Amino acid sequence: MAKKSFLQNIEKVKSSAAMSEREESAKSDKEKKKKLITIPTQWEEKIREYHGGTVSAYILIALQERMQRDGLI
């Protein structure tokens, strides 16, 4: 009897944790906004050769550095 009750409690905890994880991911999605930009293919090749990471990561780093220099963040 106690084992059955324990298993039911585990299912409740698991579903509750999954629900809160979904709520948190929904909140973080609202805080970010996707933007689409067009860059020349030559730039993309140069970024990949120089940076070694993804183009998106390079763009985010460059944007953050510019915002810091401008005093926005």
PDB file of N, CA and C in Angstrom:
ATOM      1  N   MET A   1       0.828  -1.189   0.000  1.00  0.00           N
ATOM      2  CA  MET A   1       0.000   0.000   0.000  1.00  0.00           C
ATOM      3  C   MET A   1       0.875   1.256   0.000  1.00  0.00           C
ATOM      4  N   ALA A   2       1.881   1.279   0.864  1.00  0.00           N
ATOM      5  CA  ALA A   2       2.755   2.446   0.950  1.00  0.00           C
ATOM      6  C   ALA A   2       3.553   2.616  -0.339  1.00  0.00           C
ATOM      7  N   LYS A   3       3.936   1.487  -0.945  1.00  0.00           N
ATOM      8  CA  LYS A   3       4.707   1.557  -2.184  1.00  0.00           C
ATOM      9  C   LYS A   3       3.869   2.178  -3.302  1.00  0.00           C
ATOM     10  N   LYS A   4       2.603   1.817  -3.376  1.00  0.00           N
ATOM     11  CA  LYS A   4       1.715   2.367  -4.400  1.00  0.00           C
ATOM     12  C   LYS A   4       1.552   3.878  -4.203  1.00  0.00           C
ATOM     13  N   SER A   5       1.383   4.295  -2.969  1.00  0.00           N
ATOM     14  CA  SER A   5       1.250   5.715  -2.657  1.00  0.00           C
ATOM     15  C   SER A   5       2.535   6.463  -3.012  1.00  0.00           C
ATOM     16  N   PHE A   6       3.666   5.841  -2.707  1.00  0.00           N
ATOM     17  CA  PHE A   6       4.965   6.443  -3.017  1.00  0.00           C
ATOM     18  C   PHE A   6       5.123   6.637  -4.522  1.00  0.00           C
ATOM     19  N   LEU A   7       4.730   5.623  -5.302  1.00  0.00           N
ATOM     20  CA  LEU A   7       4.830   5.714  -6.754  1.00  0.00           C
ATOM     21  C   LEU A   7       3.910   6.794  -7.316  1.00  0.00           C
ATOM     22  N   GLN A   8       2.735   6.945  -6.717  1.00  0.00           N
ATOM     23  CA  GLN A   8       1.821   7.996  -7.164  1.00  0.00           C
ATOM     24  C   GLN A   8       2.425   9.375  -6.878  1.00  0.00           C
ATOM     25  N   ASN A   9       3.060   9.508  -5.724  1.00  0.00           N
ATOM     26  CA  ASN A   9       3.704  10.778  -5.378  1.00  0.00           C
ATOM     27  C   ASN A   9       4.849  11.098  -6.338  1.00  0.00           C
ATOM     28  N   ILE A  10       5.592  10.069  -6.719  1.00  0.00           N
ATOM     29  CA  ILE A  10       6.692  10.281  -7.662  1.00  0.00           C
ATOM     30  C   ILE A  10       6.152  10.808  -8.985  1.00  0.00           C
ATOM     31  N   GLU A  11       5.055  10.233  -9.464  1.00  0.00           N
ATOM     32  CA  GLU A  11       4.459  10.697 -10.720  1.00  0.00           C
ATOM     33  C   GLU A  11       4.003  12.148 -10.611  1.00  0.00           C
ATOM     34  N   LYS A  12       3.442  12.523  -9.458  1.00  0.00           N
ATOM     35  CA  LYS A  12       3.007  13.907  -9.259  1.00  0.00           C
ATOM     36  C   LYS A  12       4.200  14.851  -9.278  1.00  0.00           C
ATOM     37  N   VAL A  13       5.276  14.458  -8.624  1.00  0.00           N
ATOM     38  CA  VAL A  13       6.478  15.289  -8.570  1.00  0.00           C
ATOM     39  C   VAL A  13       7.077  15.436  -9.970  1.00  0.00           C
ATOM     40  N   LYS A  14       7.142  14.329 -10.716  1.00  0.00           N
ATOM     41  CA  LYS A  14       7.695  14.385 -12.067  1.00  0.00           C
ATOM     42  C   LYS A  14       6.864  15.283 -12.972  1.00  0.00           C
ATOM     43  N   SER A  15       5.553  15.168 -12.902  1.00  0.00           N
ATOM     44  CA  SER A  15       4.709  15.999 -13.765  1.00  0.00           C
ATOM     45  C   SER A  15       4.785  17.464 -13.343  1.00  0.00           C
ATOM     46  N   SER A  16       4.898  17.710 -12.044  1.00  0.00           N
ATOM     47  CA  SER A  16       5.028  19.081 -11.560  1.00  0.00           C
ATOM     48  C   SER A  16       6.348  19.696 -12.024  1.00  0.00           C
ATOM     49  N   ALA A  17       7.419  18.923 -11.961  1.00  0.00           N
ATOM     50  CA  ALA A  17       8.729  19.409 -12.399  1.00  0.00           C
ATOM     51  C   ALA A  17       8.723  19.686 -13.899  1.00  0.00           C
ATOM     52  N   ALA A  18       8.093  18.815 -14.654  1.00  0.00           N
ATOM     53  CA  ALA A  18       8.021  19.023 -16.104  1.00  0.00           C
ATOM     54  C   ALA A  18       7.216  20.273 -16.430  1.00  0.00           C
ATOM     55  N   MET A  19       6.145  20.497 -15.681  1.00  0.00           N
ATOM     56  CA  MET A  19       5.312  21.667 -15.915  1.00  0.00           C
ATOM     57  C   MET A  19       6.083  22.947 -15.596  1.00  0.00           C
ATOM     58  N   SER A  20       6.821  22.969 -14.474  1.00  0.00           N
ATOM     59  CA  SER A  20       7.576  24.178 -14.146  1.00  0.00           C
ATOM     60  C   SER A  20       8.703  24.417 -15.135  1.00  0.00           C
ATOM     61  N   GLU A  21       9.290  23.355 -15.654  1.00  0.00           N
ATOM     62  CA  GLU A  21      10.347  23.519 -16.654  1.00  0.00           C
ATOM     63  C   GLU A  21       9.769  24.130 -17.930  1.00  0.00           C
ATOM     64  N   ARG A  22       8.579  23.696 -18.328  1.00  0.00           N
ATOM     65  CA  ARG A  22       7.930  24.269 -19.508  1.00  0.00           C
ATOM     66  C   ARG A  22       7.604  25.741 -19.291  1.00  0.00           C
ATOM     67  N   GLU A  23       7.148  26.084 -18.087  1.00  0.00           N
ATOM     68  CA  GLU A  23       6.818  27.479 -17.786  1.00  0.00           C
ATOM     69  C   GLU A  23       8.067  28.354 -17.832  1.00  0.00           C
ATOM     70  N   GLU A  24       9.182  27.849 -17.294  1.00  0.00           N
ATOM     71  CA  GLU A  24      10.427  28.614 -17.295  1.00  0.00           C
ATOM     72  C   GLU A  24      10.944  28.818 -18.712  1.00  0.00           C
ATOM     73  N   SER A  25      10.851  27.776 -19.540  1.00  0.00           N
ATOM     74  CA  SER A  25      11.325  27.931 -20.915  1.00  0.00           C
ATOM     75  C   SER A  25      10.429  28.883 -21.690  1.00  0.00           C
ATOM     76  N   ALA A  26       9.145  28.914 -21.377  1.00  0.00           N
ATOM     77  CA  ALA A  26       8.239  29.854 -22.038  1.00  0.00           C
ATOM     78  C   ALA A  26       8.584  31.287 -21.645  1.00  0.00           C
ATOM     79  N   LYS A  27       8.955  31.495 -20.381  1.00  0.00           N
ATOM     80  CA  LYS A  27       9.346  32.834 -19.925  1.00  0.00           C
ATOM     81  C   LYS A  27      10.610  33.297 -20.633  1.00  0.00           C
ATOM     82  N   SER A  28      11.600  32.412 -20.744  1.00  0.00           N
ATOM     83  CA  SER A  28      12.860  32.808 -21.373  1.00  0.00           C
ATOM     84  C   SER A  28      12.677  33.056 -22.865  1.00  0.00           C
ATOM     85  N   ASP A  29      11.731  32.370 -23.503  1.00  0.00           N
ATOM     86  CA  ASP A  29      11.460  32.625 -24.914  1.00  0.00           C
ATOM     87  C   ASP A  29      10.884  34.017 -25.117  1.00  0.00           C
ATOM     88  N   LYS A  30      10.111  34.491 -24.161  1.00  0.00           N
ATOM     89  CA  LYS A  30       9.509  35.809 -24.280  1.00  0.00           C
ATOM     90  C   LYS A  30      10.551  36.908 -24.108  1.00  0.00           C
ATOM     91  N   GLU A  31      11.625  36.622 -23.400  1.00  0.00           N
ATOM     92  CA  GLU A  31      12.648  37.621 -23.133  1.00  0.00           C
ATOM     93  C   GLU A  31      13.594  37.811 -24.315  1.00  0.00           C
ATOM     94  N   LYS A  32      13.568  36.908 -25.275  1.00  0.00           N
ATOM     95  CA  LYS A  32      14.452  36.989 -26.429  1.00  0.00           C
ATOM     96  C   LYS A  32      13.612  37.158 -27.690  1.00  0.00           C
ATOM     97  N   LYS A  33      14.208  37.795 -28.667  1.00  0.00           N
ATOM     98  CA  LYS A  33      13.518  38.005 -29.929  1.00  0.00           C
ATOM     99  C   LYS A  33      14.469  37.641 -31.061  1.00  0.00           C
ATOM    100  N   LYS A  34      14.019  36.795 -31.969  1.00  0.00           N
ATOM    101  CA  LYS A  34      14.850  36.384 -33.086  1.00  0.00           C
ATOM    102  C   LYS A  34      14.852  37.461 -34.151  1.00  0.00           C
ATOM    103  N   LYS A  35      16.021  37.683 -34.712  1.00  0.00           N
ATOM    104  CA  LYS A  35      16.192  38.645 -35.796  1.00  0.00           C
ATOM    105  C   LYS A  35      16.877  37.942 -36.959  1.00  0.00           C
ATOM    106  N   LEU A  36      16.478  38.302 -38.152  1.00  0.00           N
ATOM    107  CA  LEU A  36      17.075  37.730 -39.350  1.00  0.00           C
ATOM    108  C   LEU A  36      17.873  38.820 -40.047  1.00  0.00           C
ATOM    109  N   ILE A  37      19.161  38.554 -40.265  1.00  0.00           N
ATOM    110  CA  ILE A  37      19.991  39.529 -40.971  1.00  0.00           C
ATOM    111  C   ILE A  37      20.617  38.849 -42.185  1.00  0.00           C
ATOM    112  N   THR A  38      20.969  39.651 -43.151  1.00  0.00           N
ATOM    113  CA  THR A  38      21.610  39.149 -44.355  1.00  0.00           C
ATOM    114  C   THR A  38      23.045  39.659 -44.375  1.00  0.00           C
ATOM    115  N   ILE A  39      23.990  38.727 -44.544  1.00  0.00           N
ATOM    116  CA  ILE A  39      25.400  39.121 -44.629  1.00  0.00           C
ATOM    117  C   ILE A  39      25.990  38.528 -45.906  1.00  0.00           C
ATOM    118  N   PRO A  40      26.998  39.184 -46.463  1.00  0.00           N
ATOM    119  CA  PRO A  40      27.663  38.629 -47.650  1.00  0.00           C
ATOM    120  C   PRO A  40      28.330  37.295 -47.323  1.00  0.00           C
ATOM    121  N   THR A  41      28.349  36.398 -48.291  1.00  0.00           N
ATOM    122  CA  THR A  41      28.949  35.080 -48.062  1.00  0.00           C
ATOM    123  C   THR A  41      30.439  35.190 -47.765  1.00  0.00           C
ATOM    124  N   GLN A  42      31.106  36.214 -48.315  1.00  0.00           N
ATOM    125  CA  GLN A  42      32.533  36.410 -48.029  1.00  0.00           C
ATOM    126  C   GLN A  42      32.748  36.679 -46.546  1.00  0.00           C
ATOM    127  N   TRP A  43      31.853  37.450 -45.944  1.00  0.00           N
ATOM    128  CA  TRP A  43      31.959  37.732 -44.509  1.00  0.00           C
ATOM    129  C   TRP A  43      31.822  36.442 -43.716  1.00  0.00           C
ATOM    130  N   GLU A  44      30.858  35.631 -44.119  1.00  0.00           N
ATOM    131  CA  GLU A  44      30.628  34.375 -43.393  1.00  0.00           C
ATOM    132  C   GLU A  44      31.876  33.500 -43.435  1.00  0.00           C
ATOM    133  N   GLU A  45      32.494  33.397 -44.599  1.00  0.00           N
ATOM    134  CA  GLU A  45      33.711  32.592 -44.726  1.00  0.00           C
ATOM    135  C   GLU A  45      34.834  33.148 -43.857  1.00  0.00           C
ATOM    136  N   LYS A  46      34.997  34.474 -43.866  1.00  0.00           N
ATOM    137  CA  LYS A  46      36.055  35.097 -43.064  1.00  0.00           C
ATOM    138  C   LYS A  46      35.807  34.912 -41.572  1.00  0.00           C
ATOM    139  N   ILE A  47      34.545  35.023 -41.162  1.00  0.00           N
ATOM    140  CA  ILE A  47      34.201  34.828 -39.746  1.00  0.00           C
ATOM    141  C   ILE A  47      34.513  33.402 -39.325  1.00  0.00           C
ATOM    142  N   ARG A  48      34.142  32.440 -40.147  1.00  0.00           N
ATOM    143  CA  ARG A  48      34.410  31.035 -39.810  1.00  0.00           C
ATOM    144  C   ARG A  48      35.906  30.750 -39.730  1.00  0.00           C
ATOM    145  N   GLU A  49      36.681  31.330 -40.639  1.00  0.00           N
ATOM    146  CA  GLU A  49      38.133  31.120 -40.625  1.00  0.00           C
ATOM    147  C   GLU A  49      38.777  31.773 -39.405  1.00  0.00           C
ATOM    148  N   TYR A  50      38.360  32.988 -39.099  1.00  0.00           N
ATOM    149  CA  TYR A  50      38.984  33.751 -38.020  1.00  0.00           C
ATOM    150  C   TYR A  50      38.493  33.317 -36.649  1.00  0.00           C
ATOM    151  N   HIS A  51      37.175  33.242 -36.497  1.00  0.00           N
ATOM    152  CA  HIS A  51      36.573  32.995 -35.184  1.00  0.00           C
ATOM    153  C   HIS A  51      36.580  31.515 -34.820  1.00  0.00           C
ATOM    154  N   GLY A  52      36.316  30.656 -35.763  1.00  0.00           N
ATOM    155  CA  GLY A  52      36.293  29.229 -35.494  1.00  0.00           C
ATOM    156  C   GLY A  52      34.977  28.731 -34.937  1.00  0.00           C
ATOM    157  N   GLY A  53      34.099  29.629 -34.517  1.00  0.00           N
ATOM    158  CA  GLY A  53      32.794  29.229 -33.995  1.00  0.00           C
ATOM    159  C   GLY A  53      31.711  29.491 -35.019  1.00  0.00           C
ATOM    160  N   THR A  54      30.505  29.594 -34.536  1.00  0.00           N
ATOM    161  CA  THR A  54      29.396  29.858 -35.438  1.00  0.00           C
ATOM    162  C   THR A  54      29.319  31.343 -35.759  1.00  0.00           C
ATOM    163  N   VAL A  55      28.695  31.634 -36.868  1.00  0.00           N
ATOM    164  CA  VAL A  55      28.518  33.024 -37.278  1.00  0.00           C
ATOM    165  C   VAL A  55      27.604  33.734 -36.284  1.00  0.00           C
ATOM    166  N   SER A  56      26.589  33.042 -35.808  1.00  0.00           N
ATOM    167  CA  SER A  56      25.667  33.635 -34.829  1.00  0.00           C
ATOM    168  C   SER A  56      26.399  34.049 -33.561  1.00  0.00           C
ATOM    169  N   ALA A  57      27.295  33.194 -33.086  1.00  0.00           N
ATOM    170  CA  ALA A  57      28.054  33.514 -31.873  1.00  0.00           C
ATOM    171  C   ALA A  57      28.925  34.743 -32.102  1.00  0.00           C
ATOM    172  N   TYR A  58      29.555  34.820 -33.258  1.00  0.00           N
ATOM    173  CA  TYR A  58      30.406  35.968 -33.579  1.00  0.00           C
ATOM    174  C   TYR A  58      29.583  37.251 -33.620  1.00  0.00           C
ATOM    175  N   ILE A  59      28.418  37.187 -34.233  1.00  0.00           N
ATOM    176  CA  ILE A  59      27.556  38.365 -34.335  1.00  0.00           C
ATOM    177  C   ILE A  59      27.103  38.815 -32.954  1.00  0.00           C
ATOM    178  N   LEU A  60      26.742  37.867 -32.092  1.00  0.00           N
ATOM    179  CA  LEU A  60      26.323  38.221 -30.734  1.00  0.00           C
ATOM    180  C   LEU A  60      27.453  38.886 -29.957  1.00  0.00           C
ATOM    181  N   ILE A  61      28.662  38.358 -30.094  1.00  0.00           N
ATOM    182  CA  ILE A  61      29.816  38.946 -29.408  1.00  0.00           C
ATOM    183  C   ILE A  61      30.071  40.360 -29.927  1.00  0.00           C
ATOM    184  N   ALA A  62      30.039  40.528 -31.246  1.00  0.00           N
ATOM    185  CA  ALA A  62      30.279  41.845 -31.838  1.00  0.00           C
ATOM    186  C   ALA A  62      29.211  42.844 -31.407  1.00  0.00           C
ATOM    187  N   LEU A  63      27.976  42.418 -31.367  1.00  0.00           N
ATOM    188  CA  LEU A  63      26.880  43.291 -30.953  1.00  0.00           C
ATOM    189  C   LEU A  63      27.034  43.705 -29.492  1.00  0.00           C
ATOM    190  N   GLN A  64      27.399  42.743 -28.644  1.00  0.00           N
ATOM    191  CA  GLN A  64      27.591  43.039 -27.228  1.00  0.00           C
ATOM    192  C   GLN A  64      28.747  44.024 -27.026  1.00  0.00           C
ATOM    193  N   GLU A  65      29.856  43.821 -27.730  1.00  0.00           N
ATOM    194  CA  GLU A  65      30.994  44.732 -27.609  1.00  0.00           C
ATOM    195  C   GLU A  65      30.618  46.138 -28.056  1.00  0.00           C
ATOM    196  N   ARG A  66      29.873  46.250 -29.132  1.00  0.00           N
ATOM    197  CA  ARG A  66      29.464  47.573 -29.630  1.00  0.00           C
ATOM    198  C   ARG A  66      28.522  48.256 -28.639  1.00  0.00           C
ATOM    199  N   MET A  67      27.600  47.500 -28.064  1.00  0.00           N
ATOM    200  CA  MET A  67      26.671  48.077 -27.090  1.00  0.00           C
ATOM    201  C   MET A  67      27.418  48.546 -25.846  1.00  0.00           C
ATOM    202  N   GLN A  68      28.441  47.795 -25.418  1.00  0.00           N
ATOM    203  CA  GLN A  68      29.246  48.212 -24.271  1.00  0.00           C
ATOM    204  C   GLN A  68      30.020  49.483 -24.599  1.00  0.00           C
ATOM    205  N   ARG A  69      30.592  49.548 -25.779  1.00  0.00           N
ATOM    206  CA  ARG A  69      31.349  50.729 -26.194  1.00  0.00           C
ATOM    207  C   ARG A  69      30.444  51.957 -26.267  1.00  0.00           C
ATOM    208  N   ASP A  70      29.202  51.766 -26.700  1.00  0.00           N
ATOM    209  CA  ASP A  70      28.250  52.877 -26.798  1.00  0.00           C
ATOM    210  C   ASP A  70      27.607  53.220 -25.458  1.00  0.00           C
ATOM    211  N   GLY A  71      27.903  52.410 -24.428  1.00  0.00           N
ATOM    212  CA  GLY A  71      27.357  52.673 -23.095  1.00  0.00           C
ATOM    213  C   GLY A  71      25.913  52.241 -22.912  1.00  0.00           C
ATOM    214  N   LEU A  72      25.452  51.342 -23.757  1.00  0.00           N
ATOM    215  CA  LEU A  72      24.065  50.870 -23.653  1.00  0.00           C
ATOM    216  C   LEU A  72      23.910  49.747 -22.633  1.00  0.00           C
ATOM    217  N   ILE A  73      24.987  49.000 -22.414  1.00  0.00           N
ATOM    218  CA  ILE A  73      24.948  47.939 -21.389  1.00  0.00           C
ATOM    219  C   ILE A  73      26.196  48.025 -20.531  1.00  0.00           C
TER     220      ILE A  73
END
